[in-house]
Amino acid sequence: MKKEKRLLGEIDSWLETALIDEDTVTALKGLYFQKKNVNYLLVLFSIIGALILAGLFALGALFAYLRKVEEKLAPKAEELVWRRDVERVAYVTVRAKNGELVVSGLYLDGVAIEDTLRNE
């Protein structure tokens, strides 16, 4: 911004000293001080598109996780969690979206319950 003000001052001083004429001043100001046009609508729709795409990837990941957890493993997982040793740590990971919580994983001692069930 300082450079622009300085250049404007220089151009005006050149006009005052008759070094350049009014047409040249107009041409110089048009050349160096063009308004930068930003298409805000394009930027807005690009951001919205990126968010939709990210949401679709998240949904795909969620559906892939749900397909991994088979219904027949659920009773075994529940028994394993509730009848575990006191030393074993059980926790879930939860994700929130629009005020709703979804369990995204169940872990025993840092190992996913699916892996624990497969190894037993």
PDB file of N, CA and C in Angstrom:
ATOM      1  N   MET A   1       0.821  -1.180   0.000  1.00  0.00           N
ATOM      2  CA  MET A   1       0.000   0.000   0.000  1.00  0.00           C
ATOM      3  C   MET A   1       0.870   1.251   0.000  1.00  0.00           C
ATOM      4  N   LYS A   2       1.971   1.221   0.737  1.00  0.00           N
ATOM      5  CA  LYS A   2       2.859   2.380   0.777  1.00  0.00           C
ATOM      6  C   LYS A   2       3.463   2.649  -0.591  1.00  0.00           C
ATOM      7  N   LYS A   3       3.829   1.553  -1.278  1.00  0.00           N
ATOM      8  CA  LYS A   3       4.419   1.701  -2.605  1.00  0.00           C
ATOM      9  C   LYS A   3       3.418   2.311  -3.580  1.00  0.00           C
ATOM     10  N   GLU A   4       2.163   1.896  -3.464  1.00  0.00           N
ATOM     11  CA  GLU A   4       1.132   2.429  -4.340  1.00  0.00           C
ATOM     12  C   GLU A   4       0.926   3.917  -4.110  1.00  0.00           C
ATOM     13  N   LYS A   5       0.864   4.332  -2.836  1.00  0.00           N
ATOM     14  CA  LYS A   5       0.693   5.757  -2.526  1.00  0.00           C
ATOM     15  C   LYS A   5       1.886   6.563  -3.024  1.00  0.00           C
ATOM     16  N   ARG A   6       3.070   5.998  -2.844  1.00  0.00           N
ATOM     17  CA  ARG A   6       4.278   6.698  -3.298  1.00  0.00           C
ATOM     18  C   ARG A   6       4.264   6.856  -4.817  1.00  0.00           C
ATOM     19  N   LEU A   7       3.904   5.797  -5.529  1.00  0.00           N
ATOM     20  CA  LEU A   7       3.851   5.857  -6.986  1.00  0.00           C
ATOM     21  C   LEU A   7       2.783   6.837  -7.459  1.00  0.00           C
ATOM     22  N   LEU A   8       1.625   6.853  -6.782  1.00  0.00           N
ATOM     23  CA  LEU A   8       0.600   7.833  -7.128  1.00  0.00           C
ATOM     24  C   LEU A   8       1.117   9.255  -6.953  1.00  0.00           C
ATOM     25  N   GLY A   9       1.836   9.491  -5.853  1.00  0.00           N
ATOM     26  CA  GLY A   9       2.427  10.813  -5.626  1.00  0.00           C
ATOM     27  C   GLY A   9       3.431  11.177  -6.708  1.00  0.00           C
ATOM     28  N   GLU A  10       4.227  10.223  -7.114  1.00  0.00           N
ATOM     29  CA  GLU A  10       5.213  10.459  -8.170  1.00  0.00           C
ATOM     30  C   GLU A  10       4.521  10.798  -9.493  1.00  0.00           C
ATOM     31  N   ILE A  11       3.493  10.034  -9.814  1.00  0.00           N
ATOM     32  CA  ILE A  11       2.777  10.281 -11.069  1.00  0.00           C
ATOM     33  C   ILE A  11       2.160  11.680 -11.059  1.00  0.00           C
ATOM     34  N   ASP A  12       1.560  12.057  -9.927  1.00  0.00           N
ATOM     35  CA  ASP A  12       0.975  13.399  -9.817  1.00  0.00           C
ATOM     36  C   ASP A  12       2.035  14.483  -9.925  1.00  0.00           C
ATOM     37  N   SER A  13       3.203  14.250  -9.336  1.00  0.00           N
ATOM     38  CA  SER A  13       4.277  15.251  -9.431  1.00  0.00           C
ATOM     39  C   SER A  13       4.803  15.360 -10.859  1.00  0.00           C
ATOM     40  N   TRP A  14       4.836  14.276 -11.589  1.00  0.00           N
ATOM     41  CA  TRP A  14       5.266  14.313 -12.986  1.00  0.00           C
ATOM     42  C   TRP A  14       4.286  15.128 -13.825  1.00  0.00           C
ATOM     43  N   LEU A  15       2.984  15.014 -13.474  1.00  0.00           N
ATOM     44  CA  LEU A  15       1.971  15.785 -14.176  1.00  0.00           C
ATOM     45  C   LEU A  15       2.130  17.271 -13.882  1.00  0.00           C
ATOM     46  N   GLU A  16       2.377  17.596 -12.611  1.00  0.00           N
ATOM     47  CA  GLU A  16       2.531  19.004 -12.219  1.00  0.00           C
ATOM     48  C   GLU A  16       3.747  19.650 -12.876  1.00  0.00           C
ATOM     49  N   THR A  17       4.801  18.896 -13.053  1.00  0.00           N
ATOM     50  CA  THR A  17       6.014  19.444 -13.680  1.00  0.00           C
ATOM     51  C   THR A  17       5.978  19.318 -15.198  1.00  0.00           C
ATOM     52  N   ALA A  18       4.832  18.881 -15.722  1.00  0.00           N
ATOM     53  CA  ALA A  18       4.622  18.748 -17.167  1.00  0.00           C
ATOM     54  C   ALA A  18       5.573  17.732 -17.796  1.00  0.00           C
ATOM     55  N   LEU A  19       6.044  16.811 -16.993  1.00  0.00           N
ATOM     56  CA  LEU A  19       6.889  15.746 -17.518  1.00  0.00           C
ATOM     57  C   LEU A  19       6.050  14.773 -18.358  1.00  0.00           C
ATOM     58  N   ILE A  20       4.797  14.570 -17.920  1.00  0.00           N
ATOM     59  CA  ILE A  20       3.860  13.726 -18.660  1.00  0.00           C
ATOM     60  C   ILE A  20       2.535  14.466 -18.777  1.00  0.00           C
ATOM     61  N   ASP A  21       1.697  14.038 -19.724  1.00  0.00           N
ATOM     62  CA  ASP A  21       0.393  14.691 -19.891  1.00  0.00           C
ATOM     63  C   ASP A  21      -0.704  13.868 -19.210  1.00  0.00           C
ATOM     64  N   GLU A  22      -1.938  14.388 -19.262  1.00  0.00           N
ATOM     65  CA  GLU A  22      -3.071  13.765 -18.571  1.00  0.00           C
ATOM     66  C   GLU A  22      -3.383  12.370 -19.112  1.00  0.00           C
ATOM     67  N   ASP A  23      -3.228  12.167 -20.412  1.00  0.00           N
ATOM     68  CA  ASP A  23      -3.481  10.846 -20.999  1.00  0.00           C
ATOM     69  C   ASP A  23      -2.507   9.805 -20.463  1.00  0.00           C
ATOM     70  N   THR A  24      -1.254  10.200 -20.297  1.00  0.00           N
ATOM     71  CA  THR A  24      -0.247   9.282 -19.769  1.00  0.00           C
ATOM     72  C   THR A  24      -0.530   8.957 -18.310  1.00  0.00           C
ATOM     73  N   VAL A  25      -0.986   9.969 -17.546  1.00  0.00           N
ATOM     74  CA  VAL A  25      -1.346   9.743 -16.142  1.00  0.00           C
ATOM     75  C   VAL A  25      -2.473   8.711 -16.060  1.00  0.00           C
ATOM     76  N   THR A  26      -3.488   8.881 -16.900  1.00  0.00           N
ATOM     77  CA  THR A  26      -4.614   7.944 -16.915  1.00  0.00           C
ATOM     78  C   THR A  26      -4.143   6.542 -17.287  1.00  0.00           C
ATOM     79  N   ALA A  27      -3.262   6.457 -18.283  1.00  0.00           N
ATOM     80  CA  ALA A  27      -2.754   5.156 -18.708  1.00  0.00           C
ATOM     81  C   ALA A  27      -1.931   4.493 -17.606  1.00  0.00           C
ATOM     82  N   LEU A  28      -1.068   5.269 -16.940  1.00  0.00           N
ATOM     83  CA  LEU A  28      -0.239   4.717 -15.861  1.00  0.00           C
ATOM     84  C   LEU A  28      -1.092   4.254 -14.678  1.00  0.00           C
ATOM     85  N   LYS A  29      -2.068   5.071 -14.287  1.00  0.00           N
ATOM     86  CA  LYS A  29      -2.922   4.690 -13.159  1.00  0.00           C
ATOM     87  C   LYS A  29      -3.757   3.455 -13.511  1.00  0.00           C
ATOM     88  N   GLY A  30      -4.207   3.371 -14.762  1.00  0.00           N
ATOM     89  CA  GLY A  30      -4.960   2.202 -15.188  1.00  0.00           C
ATOM     90  C   GLY A  30      -4.099   0.963 -15.224  1.00  0.00           C
ATOM     91  N   LEU A  31      -2.815   1.151 -15.559  1.00  0.00           N
ATOM     92  CA  LEU A  31      -1.903   0.013 -15.656  1.00  0.00           C
ATOM     93  C   LEU A  31      -1.497  -0.517 -14.283  1.00  0.00           C
ATOM     94  N   TYR A  32      -1.185   0.388 -13.354  1.00  0.00           N
ATOM     95  CA  TYR A  32      -0.663  -0.026 -12.052  1.00  0.00           C
ATOM     96  C   TYR A  32      -1.718  -0.165 -10.963  1.00  0.00           C
ATOM     97  N   PHE A  33      -2.879   0.427 -11.146  1.00  0.00           N
ATOM     98  CA  PHE A  33      -3.867   0.438 -10.064  1.00  0.00           C
ATOM     99  C   PHE A  33      -5.208  -0.111 -10.521  1.00  0.00           C
ATOM    100  N   GLN A  34      -5.164  -1.221 -11.246  1.00  0.00           N
ATOM    101  CA  GLN A  34      -6.398  -1.867 -11.657  1.00  0.00           C
ATOM    102  C   GLN A  34      -7.026  -2.542 -10.443  1.00  0.00           C
ATOM    103  N   LYS A  35      -8.321  -2.435 -10.354  1.00  0.00           N
ATOM    104  CA  LYS A  35      -9.033  -3.093  -9.264  1.00  0.00           C
ATOM    105  C   LYS A  35      -8.945  -4.599  -9.479  1.00  0.00           C
ATOM    106  N   LYS A  36      -8.563  -5.301  -8.448  1.00  0.00           N
ATOM    107  CA  LYS A  36      -8.446  -6.750  -8.530  1.00  0.00           C
ATOM    108  C   LYS A  36      -9.833  -7.352  -8.383  1.00  0.00           C
ATOM    109  N   ASN A  37     -10.266  -8.028  -9.417  1.00  0.00           N
ATOM    110  CA  ASN A  37     -11.587  -8.654  -9.406  1.00  0.00           C
ATOM    111  C   ASN A  37     -11.476 -10.068  -8.858  1.00  0.00           C
ATOM    112  N   VAL A  38     -12.168 -10.306  -7.772  1.00  0.00           N
ATOM    113  CA  VAL A  38     -12.215 -11.631  -7.190  1.00  0.00           C
ATOM    114  C   VAL A  38     -13.641 -12.125  -7.342  1.00  0.00           C
ATOM    115  N   ASN A  39     -13.779 -13.264  -7.916  1.00  0.00           N
ATOM    116  CA  ASN A  39     -15.106 -13.836  -8.098  1.00  0.00           C
ATOM    117  C   ASN A  39     -15.484 -14.552  -6.801  1.00  0.00           C
ATOM    118  N   TYR A  40     -16.135 -13.822  -5.903  1.00  0.00           N
ATOM    119  CA  TYR A  40     -16.480 -14.363  -4.598  1.00  0.00           C
ATOM    120  C   TYR A  40     -17.487 -15.504  -4.701  1.00  0.00           C
ATOM    121  N   LEU A  41     -18.327 -15.452  -5.701  1.00  0.00           N
ATOM    122  CA  LEU A  41     -19.294 -16.527  -5.881  1.00  0.00           C
ATOM    123  C   LEU A  41     -18.592 -17.841  -6.220  1.00  0.00           C
ATOM    124  N   LEU A  42     -17.576 -17.757  -7.067  1.00  0.00           N
ATOM    125  CA  LEU A  42     -16.803 -18.953  -7.410  1.00  0.00           C
ATOM    126  C   LEU A  42     -16.075 -19.500  -6.183  1.00  0.00           C
ATOM    127  N   VAL A  43     -15.503 -18.610  -5.379  1.00  0.00           N
ATOM    128  CA  VAL A  43     -14.811 -19.031  -4.158  1.00  0.00           C
ATOM    129  C   VAL A  43     -15.799 -19.691  -3.191  1.00  0.00           C
ATOM    130  N   LEU A  44     -16.974 -19.084  -3.037  1.00  0.00           N
ATOM    131  CA  LEU A  44     -17.983 -19.633  -2.131  1.00  0.00           C
ATOM    132  C   LEU A  44     -18.428 -21.024  -2.564  1.00  0.00           C
ATOM    133  N   PHE A  45     -18.735 -21.189  -3.853  1.00  0.00           N
ATOM    134  CA  PHE A  45     -19.176 -22.496  -4.324  1.00  0.00           C
ATOM    135  C   PHE A  45     -18.047 -23.523  -4.278  1.00  0.00           C
ATOM    136  N   SER A  46     -16.818 -23.094  -4.452  1.00  0.00           N
ATOM    137  CA  SER A  46     -15.692 -24.022  -4.330  1.00  0.00           C
ATOM    138  C   SER A  46     -15.574 -24.544  -2.909  1.00  0.00           C
ATOM    139  N   ILE A  47     -15.737 -23.667  -1.936  1.00  0.00           N
ATOM    140  CA  ILE A  47     -15.664 -24.078  -0.527  1.00  0.00           C
ATOM    141  C   ILE A  47     -16.818 -25.018  -0.188  1.00  0.00           C
ATOM    142  N   ILE A  48     -18.017 -24.666  -0.640  1.00  0.00           N
ATOM    143  CA  ILE A  48     -19.178 -25.527  -0.377  1.00  0.00           C
ATOM    144  C   ILE A  48     -18.976 -26.902  -1.019  1.00  0.00           C
ATOM    145  N   GLY A  49     -18.469 -26.922  -2.246  1.00  0.00           N
ATOM    146  CA  GLY A  49     -18.208 -28.198  -2.923  1.00  0.00           C
ATOM    147  C   GLY A  49     -17.184 -29.035  -2.179  1.00  0.00           C
ATOM    148  N   ALA A  50     -16.132 -28.380  -1.678  1.00  0.00           N
ATOM    149  CA  ALA A  50     -15.112 -29.112  -0.928  1.00  0.00           C
ATOM    150  C   ALA A  50     -15.688 -29.689   0.361  1.00  0.00           C
ATOM    151  N   LEU A  51     -16.551 -28.931   1.032  1.00  0.00           N
ATOM    152  CA  LEU A  51     -17.170 -29.443   2.260  1.00  0.00           C
ATOM    153  C   LEU A  51     -18.098 -30.622   1.974  1.00  0.00           C
ATOM    154  N   ILE A  52     -18.848 -30.540   0.884  1.00  0.00           N
ATOM    155  CA  ILE A  52     -19.730 -31.664   0.513  1.00  0.00           C
ATOM    156  C   ILE A  52     -18.901 -32.902   0.199  1.00  0.00           C
ATOM    157  N   LEU A  53     -17.819 -32.710  -0.541  1.00  0.00           N
ATOM    158  CA  LEU A  53     -16.958 -33.834  -0.890  1.00  0.00           C
ATOM    159  C   LEU A  53     -16.349 -34.463   0.364  1.00  0.00           C
ATOM    160  N   ALA A  54     -15.902 -33.617   1.309  1.00  0.00           N
ATOM    161  CA  ALA A  54     -15.345 -34.136   2.563  1.00  0.00           C
ATOM    162  C   ALA A  54     -16.410 -34.909   3.340  1.00  0.00           C
ATOM    163  N   GLY A  55     -17.651 -34.408   3.327  1.00  0.00           N
ATOM    164  CA  GLY A  55     -18.748 -35.107   4.001  1.00  0.00           C
ATOM    165  C   GLY A  55     -19.018 -36.461   3.383  1.00  0.00           C
ATOM    166  N   LEU A  56     -18.937 -36.541   2.054  1.00  0.00           N
ATOM    167  CA  LEU A  56     -19.151 -37.827   1.392  1.00  0.00           C
ATOM    168  C   LEU A  56     -18.060 -38.829   1.740  1.00  0.00           C
ATOM    169  N   PHE A  57     -16.814 -38.347   1.815  1.00  0.00           N
ATOM    170  CA  PHE A  57     -15.728 -39.240   2.219  1.00  0.00           C
ATOM    171  C   PHE A  57     -15.937 -39.730   3.655  1.00  0.00           C
ATOM    172  N   ALA A  58     -16.400 -38.841   4.535  1.00  0.00           N
ATOM    173  CA  ALA A  58     -16.647 -39.233   5.925  1.00  0.00           C
ATOM    174  C   ALA A  58     -17.768 -40.270   6.004  1.00  0.00           C
ATOM    175  N   LEU A  59     -18.818 -40.085   5.220  1.00  0.00           N
ATOM    176  CA  LEU A  59     -19.900 -41.069   5.204  1.00  0.00           C
ATOM    177  C   LEU A  59     -19.408 -42.418   4.697  1.00  0.00           C
ATOM    178  N   GLY A  60     -18.578 -42.385   3.670  1.00  0.00           N
ATOM    179  CA  GLY A  60     -18.020 -43.629   3.146  1.00  0.00           C
ATOM    180  C   GLY A  60     -17.200 -44.354   4.186  1.00  0.00           C
ATOM    181  N   ALA A  61     -16.414 -43.598   4.960  1.00  0.00           N
ATOM    182  CA  ALA A  61     -15.605 -44.209   6.013  1.00  0.00           C
ATOM    183  C   ALA A  61     -16.493 -44.806   7.107  1.00  0.00           C
ATOM    184  N   LEU A  62     -17.555 -44.104   7.446  1.00  0.00           N
ATOM    185  CA  LEU A  62     -18.465 -44.607   8.473  1.00  0.00           C
ATOM    186  C   LEU A  62     -19.143 -45.905   8.011  1.00  0.00           C
ATOM    187  N   PHE A  63     -19.617 -45.916   6.775  1.00  0.00           N
ATOM    188  CA  PHE A  63     -20.262 -47.122   6.272  1.00  0.00           C
ATOM    189  C   PHE A  63     -19.276 -48.291   6.192  1.00  0.00           C
ATOM    190  N   ALA A  64     -18.050 -48.012   5.843  1.00  0.00           N
ATOM    191  CA  ALA A  64     -17.035 -49.067   5.800  1.00  0.00           C
ATOM    192  C   ALA A  64     -16.801 -49.636   7.203  1.00  0.00           C
ATOM    193  N   TYR A  65     -16.774 -48.749   8.211  1.00  0.00           N
ATOM    194  CA  TYR A  65     -16.581 -49.214   9.586  1.00  0.00           C
ATOM    195  C   TYR A  65     -17.772 -50.072  10.027  1.00  0.00           C
ATOM    196  N   LEU A  66     -18.981 -49.623   9.721  1.00  0.00           N
ATOM    197  CA  LEU A  66     -20.164 -50.372  10.137  1.00  0.00           C
ATOM    198  C   LEU A  66     -20.234 -51.738   9.464  1.00  0.00           C
ATOM    199  N   ARG A  67     -19.763 -51.826   8.221  1.00  0.00           N
ATOM    200  CA  ARG A  67     -19.747 -53.116   7.536  1.00  0.00           C
ATOM    201  C   ARG A  67     -18.758 -54.066   8.184  1.00  0.00           C
ATOM    202  N   LYS A  68     -17.672 -53.516   8.768  1.00  0.00           N
ATOM    203  CA  LYS A  68     -16.664 -54.366   9.401  1.00  0.00           C
ATOM    204  C   LYS A  68     -17.207 -55.047  10.646  1.00  0.00           C
ATOM    205  N   VAL A  69     -18.035 -54.349  11.392  1.00  0.00           N
ATOM    206  CA  VAL A  69     -18.563 -54.900  12.642  1.00  0.00           C
ATOM    207  C   VAL A  69     -19.757 -55.785  12.298  1.00  0.00           C
ATOM    208  N   GLU A  70     -19.574 -57.047  12.442  1.00  0.00           N
ATOM    209  CA  GLU A  70     -20.641 -57.986  12.111  1.00  0.00           C
ATOM    210  C   GLU A  70     -21.561 -58.158  13.310  1.00  0.00           C
ATOM    211  N   GLU A  71     -22.835 -58.349  13.020  1.00  0.00           N
ATOM    212  CA  GLU A  71     -23.822 -58.516  14.090  1.00  0.00           C
ATOM    213  C   GLU A  71     -23.526 -59.716  14.972  1.00  0.00           C
ATOM    214  N   LYS A  72     -22.986 -60.779  14.396  1.00  0.00           N
ATOM    215  CA  LYS A  72     -22.734 -61.975  15.198  1.00  0.00           C
ATOM    216  C   LYS A  72     -21.594 -61.763  16.188  1.00  0.00           C
ATOM    217  N   LEU A  73     -20.739 -60.754  15.936  1.00  0.00           N
ATOM    218  CA  LEU A  73     -19.649 -60.466  16.871  1.00  0.00           C
ATOM    219  C   LEU A  73     -20.096 -59.575  18.029  1.00  0.00           C
ATOM    220  N   ALA A  74     -21.240 -58.911  17.884  1.00  0.00           N
ATOM    221  CA  ALA A  74     -21.686 -57.972  18.909  1.00  0.00           C
ATOM    222  C   ALA A  74     -21.869 -58.617  20.281  1.00  0.00           C
ATOM    223  N   PRO A  75     -22.542 -59.775  20.400  1.00  0.00           N
ATOM    224  CA  PRO A  75     -22.676 -60.381  21.736  1.00  0.00           C
ATOM    225  C   PRO A  75     -21.326 -60.761  22.346  1.00  0.00           C
ATOM    226  N   LYS A  76     -20.421 -61.270  21.525  1.00  0.00           N
ATOM    227  CA  LYS A  76     -19.078 -61.617  22.026  1.00  0.00           C
ATOM    228  C   LYS A  76     -18.343 -60.366  22.504  1.00  0.00           C
ATOM    229  N   ALA A  77     -18.484 -59.289  21.747  1.00  0.00           N
ATOM    230  CA  ALA A  77     -17.819 -58.041  22.132  1.00  0.00           C
ATOM    231  C   ALA A  77     -18.376 -57.516  23.449  1.00  0.00           C
ATOM    232  N   GLU A  78     -19.686 -57.575  23.596  1.00  0.00           N
ATOM    233  CA  GLU A  78     -20.316 -57.094  24.825  1.00  0.00           C
ATOM    234  C   GLU A  78     -19.853 -57.917  26.026  1.00  0.00           C
ATOM    235  N   GLU A  79     -19.825 -59.223  25.870  1.00  0.00           N
ATOM    236  CA  GLU A  79     -19.372 -60.093  26.961  1.00  0.00           C
ATOM    237  C   GLU A  79     -17.911 -59.806  27.304  1.00  0.00           C
ATOM    238  N   LEU A  80     -17.097 -59.629  26.285  1.00  0.00           N
ATOM    239  CA  LEU A  80     -15.679 -59.359  26.500  1.00  0.00           C
ATOM    240  C   LEU A  80     -15.460 -58.050  27.259  1.00  0.00           C
ATOM    241  N   VAL A  81     -16.248 -57.053  26.945  1.00  0.00           N
ATOM    242  CA  VAL A  81     -16.101 -55.750  27.613  1.00  0.00           C
ATOM    243  C   VAL A  81     -16.577 -55.813  29.052  1.00  0.00           C
ATOM    244  N   TRP A  82     -17.740 -56.396  29.288  1.00  0.00           N
ATOM    245  CA  TRP A  82     -18.307 -56.401  30.626  1.00  0.00           C
ATOM    246  C   TRP A  82     -17.627 -57.396  31.563  1.00  0.00           C
ATOM    247  N   ARG A  83     -17.033 -58.445  31.047  1.00  0.00           N
ATOM    248  CA  ARG A  83     -16.395 -59.443  31.897  1.00  0.00           C
ATOM    249  C   ARG A  83     -14.867 -59.351  31.852  1.00  0.00           C
ATOM    250  N   ARG A  84     -14.361 -58.212  31.491  1.00  0.00           N
ATOM    251  CA  ARG A  84     -12.912 -58.031  31.379  1.00  0.00           C
ATOM    252  C   ARG A  84     -12.275 -57.888  32.760  1.00  0.00           C
ATOM    253  N   ASP A  85     -10.962 -58.080  32.805  1.00  0.00           N
ATOM    254  CA  ASP A  85     -10.207 -57.843  34.041  1.00  0.00           C
ATOM    255  C   ASP A  85     -10.238 -56.354  34.357  1.00  0.00           C
ATOM    256  N   VAL A  86     -10.120 -56.057  35.639  1.00  0.00           N
ATOM    257  CA  VAL A  86     -10.146 -54.663  36.070  1.00  0.00           C
ATOM    258  C   VAL A  86      -8.969 -53.879  35.480  1.00  0.00           C
ATOM    259  N   GLU A  87      -7.862 -54.540  35.241  1.00  0.00           N
ATOM    260  CA  GLU A  87      -6.675 -53.870  34.717  1.00  0.00           C
ATOM    261  C   GLU A  87      -6.826 -53.455  33.251  1.00  0.00           C
ATOM    262  N   ARG A  88      -7.718 -54.117  32.531  1.00  0.00           N
ATOM    263  CA  ARG A  88      -7.890 -53.806  31.106  1.00  0.00           C
ATOM    264  C   ARG A  88      -8.733 -52.543  30.956  1.00  0.00           C
ATOM    265  N   VAL A  89      -8.289 -51.680  30.096  1.00  0.00           N
ATOM    266  CA  VAL A  89      -8.979 -50.407  29.871  1.00  0.00           C
ATOM    267  C   VAL A  89      -9.863 -50.535  28.638  1.00  0.00           C
ATOM    268  N   ALA A  90     -11.122 -50.177  28.793  1.00  0.00           N
ATOM    269  CA  ALA A  90     -12.061 -50.181  27.667  1.00  0.00           C
ATOM    270  C   ALA A  90     -12.521 -48.748  27.425  1.00  0.00           C
ATOM    271  N   TYR A  91     -12.553 -48.349  26.153  1.00  0.00           N
ATOM    272  CA  TYR A  91     -13.045 -47.008  25.815  1.00  0.00           C
ATOM    273  C   TYR A  91     -13.588 -47.000  24.395  1.00  0.00           C
ATOM    274  N   VAL A  92     -14.374 -45.984  24.101  1.00  0.00           N
ATOM    275  CA  VAL A  92     -14.925 -45.806  22.753  1.00  0.00           C
ATOM    276  C   VAL A  92     -14.443 -44.472  22.201  1.00  0.00           C
ATOM    277  N   THR A  93     -14.386 -44.408  20.877  1.00  0.00           N
ATOM    278  CA  THR A  93     -14.157 -43.127  20.218  1.00  0.00           C
ATOM    279  C   THR A  93     -15.489 -42.667  19.666  1.00  0.00           C
ATOM    280  N   VAL A  94     -15.753 -41.378  19.821  1.00  0.00           N
ATOM    281  CA  VAL A  94     -17.040 -40.813  19.437  1.00  0.00           C
ATOM    282  C   VAL A  94     -16.798 -39.626  18.525  1.00  0.00           C
ATOM    283  N   ARG A  95     -17.613 -39.493  17.516  1.00  0.00           N
ATOM    284  CA  ARG A  95     -17.551 -38.340  16.623  1.00  0.00           C
ATOM    285  C   ARG A  95     -18.867 -37.595  16.723  1.00  0.00           C
ATOM    286  N   ALA A  96     -18.793 -36.285  16.601  1.00  0.00           N
ATOM    287  CA  ALA A  96     -19.992 -35.455  16.683  1.00  0.00           C
ATOM    288  C   ALA A  96     -20.210 -34.727  15.372  1.00  0.00           C
ATOM    289  N   LYS A  97     -21.477 -34.668  14.963  1.00  0.00           N
ATOM    290  CA  LYS A  97     -21.836 -33.907  13.768  1.00  0.00           C
ATOM    291  C   LYS A  97     -23.247 -33.388  13.968  1.00  0.00           C
ATOM    292  N   ASN A  98     -23.400 -32.102  13.810  1.00  0.00           N
ATOM    293  CA  ASN A  98     -24.719 -31.461  13.947  1.00  0.00           C
ATOM    294  C   ASN A  98     -25.379 -31.811  15.271  1.00  0.00           C
ATOM    295  N   GLY A  99     -24.604 -31.896  16.322  1.00  0.00           N
ATOM    296  CA  GLY A  99     -25.143 -32.155  17.647  1.00  0.00           C
ATOM    297  C   GLY A  99     -25.448 -33.604  17.946  1.00  0.00           C
ATOM    298  N   GLU A 100     -25.177 -34.517  17.030  1.00  0.00           N
ATOM    299  CA  GLU A 100     -25.416 -35.937  17.266  1.00  0.00           C
ATOM    300  C   GLU A 100     -24.088 -36.656  17.439  1.00  0.00           C
ATOM    301  N   LEU A 101     -24.055 -37.620  18.355  1.00  0.00           N
ATOM    302  CA  LEU A 101     -22.850 -38.390  18.607  1.00  0.00           C
ATOM    303  C   LEU A 101     -22.971 -39.772  17.993  1.00  0.00           C
ATOM    304  N   VAL A 102     -21.877 -40.239  17.415  1.00  0.00           N
ATOM    305  CA  VAL A 102     -21.830 -41.563  16.801  1.00  0.00           C
ATOM    306  C   VAL A 102     -20.581 -42.269  17.306  1.00  0.00           C
ATOM    307  N   VAL A 103     -20.755 -43.497  17.788  1.00  0.00           N
ATOM    308  CA  VAL A 103     -19.609 -44.289  18.227  1.00  0.00           C
ATOM    309  C   VAL A 103     -18.866 -44.759  16.985  1.00  0.00           C
ATOM    310  N   SER A 104     -17.582 -44.424  16.919  1.00  0.00           N
ATOM    311  CA  SER A 104     -16.812 -44.801  15.734  1.00  0.00           C
ATOM    312  C   SER A 104     -15.840 -45.944  16.010  1.00  0.00           C
ATOM    313  N   GLY A 105     -15.669 -46.318  17.279  1.00  0.00           N
ATOM    314  CA  GLY A 105     -14.788 -47.428  17.587  1.00  0.00           C
ATOM    315  C   GLY A 105     -14.853 -47.823  19.045  1.00  0.00           C
ATOM    316  N   LEU A 106     -14.624 -49.097  19.311  1.00  0.00           N
ATOM    317  CA  LEU A 106     -14.576 -49.627  20.673  1.00  0.00           C
ATOM    318  C   LEU A 106     -13.225 -50.299  20.841  1.00  0.00           C
ATOM    319  N   TYR A 107     -12.531 -49.974  21.920  1.00  0.00           N
ATOM    320  CA  TYR A 107     -11.158 -50.449  22.109  1.00  0.00           C
ATOM    321  C   TYR A 107     -10.981 -51.072  23.487  1.00  0.00           C
ATOM    322  N   LEU A 108     -10.163 -52.116  23.532  1.00  0.00           N
ATOM    323  CA  LEU A 108      -9.726 -52.728  24.782  1.00  0.00           C
ATOM    324  C   LEU A 108      -8.215 -52.641  24.828  1.00  0.00           C
ATOM    325  N   ASP A 109      -7.709 -51.950  25.812  1.00  0.00           N
ATOM    326  CA  ASP A 109      -6.263 -51.744  25.954  1.00  0.00           C
ATOM    327  C   ASP A 109      -5.639 -51.191  24.672  1.00  0.00           C
ATOM    328  N   GLY A 110      -6.343 -50.289  24.015  1.00  0.00           N
ATOM    329  CA  GLY A 110      -5.816 -49.641  22.821  1.00  0.00           C
ATOM    330  C   GLY A 110      -5.933 -50.447  21.546  1.00  0.00           C
ATOM    331  N   VAL A 111      -6.558 -51.621  21.603  1.00  0.00           N
ATOM    332  CA  VAL A 111      -6.727 -52.474  20.423  1.00  0.00           C
ATOM    333  C   VAL A 111      -8.205 -52.487  20.056  1.00  0.00           C
ATOM    334  N   ALA A 112      -8.500 -52.298  18.768  1.00  0.00           N
ATOM    335  CA  ALA A 112      -9.890 -52.303  18.318  1.00  0.00           C
ATOM    336  C   ALA A 112     -10.552 -53.626  18.682  1.00  0.00           C
ATOM    337  N   ILE A 113     -11.834 -53.555  19.063  1.00  0.00           N
ATOM    338  CA  ILE A 113     -12.554 -54.750  19.508  1.00  0.00           C
ATOM    339  C   ILE A 113     -12.607 -55.806  18.404  1.00  0.00           C
ATOM    340  N   GLU A 114     -12.655 -55.357  17.146  1.00  0.00           N
ATOM    341  CA  GLU A 114     -12.676 -56.318  16.029  1.00  0.00           C
ATOM    342  C   GLU A 114     -11.398 -57.146  16.013  1.00  0.00           C
ATOM    343  N   ASP A 115     -10.279 -56.490  16.216  1.00  0.00           N
ATOM    344  CA  ASP A 115      -8.990 -57.199  16.229  1.00  0.00           C
ATOM    345  C   ASP A 115      -8.893 -58.121  17.435  1.00  0.00           C
ATOM    346  N   THR A 116      -9.388 -57.666  18.574  1.00  0.00           N
ATOM    347  CA  THR A 116      -9.352 -58.481  19.784  1.00  0.00           C
ATOM    348  C   THR A 116     -10.183 -59.753  19.592  1.00  0.00           C
ATOM    349  N   LEU A 117     -11.366 -59.620  18.988  1.00  0.00           N
ATOM    350  CA  LEU A 117     -12.225 -60.779  18.760  1.00  0.00           C
ATOM    351  C   LEU A 117     -11.622 -61.749  17.752  1.00  0.00           C
ATOM    352  N   ARG A 118     -10.969 -61.233  16.741  1.00  0.00           N
ATOM    353  CA  ARG A 118     -10.345 -62.103  15.745  1.00  0.00           C
ATOM    354  C   ARG A 118      -9.188 -62.901  16.353  1.00  0.00           C
ATOM    355  N   ASN A 119      -8.471 -62.299  17.305  1.00  0.00           N
ATOM    356  CA  ASN A 119      -7.303 -62.959  17.906  1.00  0.00           C
ATOM    357  C   ASN A 119      -7.677 -63.948  18.995  1.00  0.00           C
ATOM    358  N   GLU A 120      -8.909 -63.909  19.482  1.00  0.00           N
ATOM    359  CA  GLU A 120      -9.306 -64.834  20.558  1.00  0.00           C
ATOM    360  C   GLU A 120      -9.871 -66.112  20.032  1.00  0.00           C
TER     361      GLU A 120
END
